[in-house]
Amino acid sequence: MTTEQVAVRVPSALLAEVDEMIARGRYPSRAAAVRAGLETLAELERRSAIDRALLEGYRRIPPTASEAQAAIASLRDAITEEPW
């Protein structure tokens, strides 16, 4: 994988929080923390795009009444099976 170096300015308070995460062992370095943040941001955007596509699909072809009832029943069953 090729990489590129990026220089950014970060508010001191945010950098202090990152440094605290490093001190607690959550990340080995500032660079690792920044990479993790960017990976998380990219993943959230991918999931958001999927959500938007699903919503658009349901707007174009809404579920029938029986499909909606089956979905609600399935959800209730799943909640009932939870061990909480």
Protein backbone atom coordinates (compact mmCIF):
# COMPACT_ATOMS: atom_id res chain seq x y z
CA MET A 1 0.00 0.00 0.00
CA THR A 2 1.38 3.38 -0.91
CA THR A 3 1.11 6.17 1.62
CA GLU A 4 1.33 9.93 1.61
CA GLN A 5 2.31 12.30 4.35
CA VAL A 6 -0.24 14.96 5.30
CA ALA A 7 0.40 17.94 7.54
CA VAL A 8 -2.56 19.27 9.51
CA ARG A 9 -3.07 21.75 12.29
CA VAL A 10 -4.99 20.44 15.28
CA PRO A 11 -6.42 22.40 18.19
CA SER A 12 -4.23 22.00 21.28
CA ALA A 13 -7.08 20.62 23.38
CA LEU A 14 -7.81 17.90 20.83
CA LEU A 15 -4.14 17.00 20.56
CA ALA A 16 -3.98 16.75 24.36
CA GLU A 17 -6.85 14.23 24.24
CA VAL A 18 -5.03 12.21 21.58
CA ASP A 19 -1.85 12.29 23.65
CA GLU A 20 -3.83 11.01 26.64
CA MET A 21 -5.14 8.10 24.54
CA ILE A 22 -1.55 7.32 23.56
CA ALA A 23 -0.44 7.49 27.22
CA ARG A 24 -3.22 5.02 28.12
CA GLY A 25 -2.00 2.67 25.39
CA ARG A 26 -5.00 3.06 23.11
CA TYR A 27 -2.76 4.07 20.18
CA PRO A 28 1.00 3.68 19.79
CA SER A 29 1.48 7.12 18.24
CA ARG A 30 -0.22 10.28 17.05
CA ALA A 31 0.04 9.01 13.48
CA ALA A 32 -1.74 5.78 14.41
CA ALA A 33 -4.49 7.72 16.16
CA VAL A 34 -4.97 9.99 13.14
CA ARG A 35 -5.06 6.99 10.78
CA ALA A 36 -7.66 5.30 13.00
CA GLY A 37 -9.75 8.46 12.98
CA LEU A 38 -9.59 8.77 9.20
CA GLU A 39 -10.44 5.07 8.77
CA THR A 40 -13.44 5.51 11.06
CA LEU A 41 -14.58 8.58 9.16
CA ALA A 42 -14.31 6.73 5.84
CA GLU A 43 -16.22 3.73 7.24
CA LEU A 44 -18.99 5.97 8.57
CA GLU A 45 -19.30 7.58 5.14
CA ARG A 46 -19.50 4.16 3.44
CA ARG A 47 -22.23 3.06 5.85
CA SER A 48 -24.08 6.33 5.36
CA ALA A 49 -24.03 5.83 1.58
CA ILE A 50 -25.48 2.32 2.03
CA ASP A 51 -28.18 3.69 4.34
CA ARG A 52 -29.11 6.36 1.79
CA ALA A 53 -29.31 3.73 -0.97
CA LEU A 54 -31.56 1.50 1.16
CA LEU A 55 -33.85 4.40 1.99
CA GLU A 56 -34.08 5.37 -1.66
CA GLY A 57 -34.97 1.78 -2.55
CA TYR A 58 -37.77 1.72 0.01
CA ARG A 59 -39.03 5.07 -1.27
CA ARG A 60 -39.14 3.73 -4.82
CA ILE A 61 -40.67 0.40 -3.85
CA PRO A 62 -42.29 0.62 -0.41
CA PRO A 63 -42.85 -2.58 1.52
CA THR A 64 -46.29 -4.11 1.38
CA ALA A 65 -48.40 -4.21 4.54
CA SER A 66 -47.63 -7.90 5.05
CA GLU A 67 -43.89 -7.28 4.60
CA ALA A 68 -43.99 -4.48 7.16
CA GLN A 69 -45.88 -6.69 9.62
CA ALA A 70 -43.38 -9.52 9.12
CA ALA A 71 -40.49 -7.13 9.75
CA ILE A 72 -42.05 -5.88 12.98
CA ALA A 73 -42.73 -9.44 14.13
CA SER A 74 -39.13 -10.41 13.38
CA LEU A 75 -37.88 -7.40 15.33
CA ARG A 76 -40.04 -8.30 18.32
CA ASP A 77 -38.75 -11.89 18.23
CA ALA A 78 -35.16 -10.68 18.11
CA ILE A 79 -35.69 -8.36 21.07
CA THR A 80 -37.40 -11.13 23.05
CA GLU A 81 -34.42 -13.42 22.44
CA GLU A 82 -31.92 -10.88 23.82
CA PRO A 83 -30.42 -12.00 27.15
CA TRP A 84 -30.93 -8.62 28.89
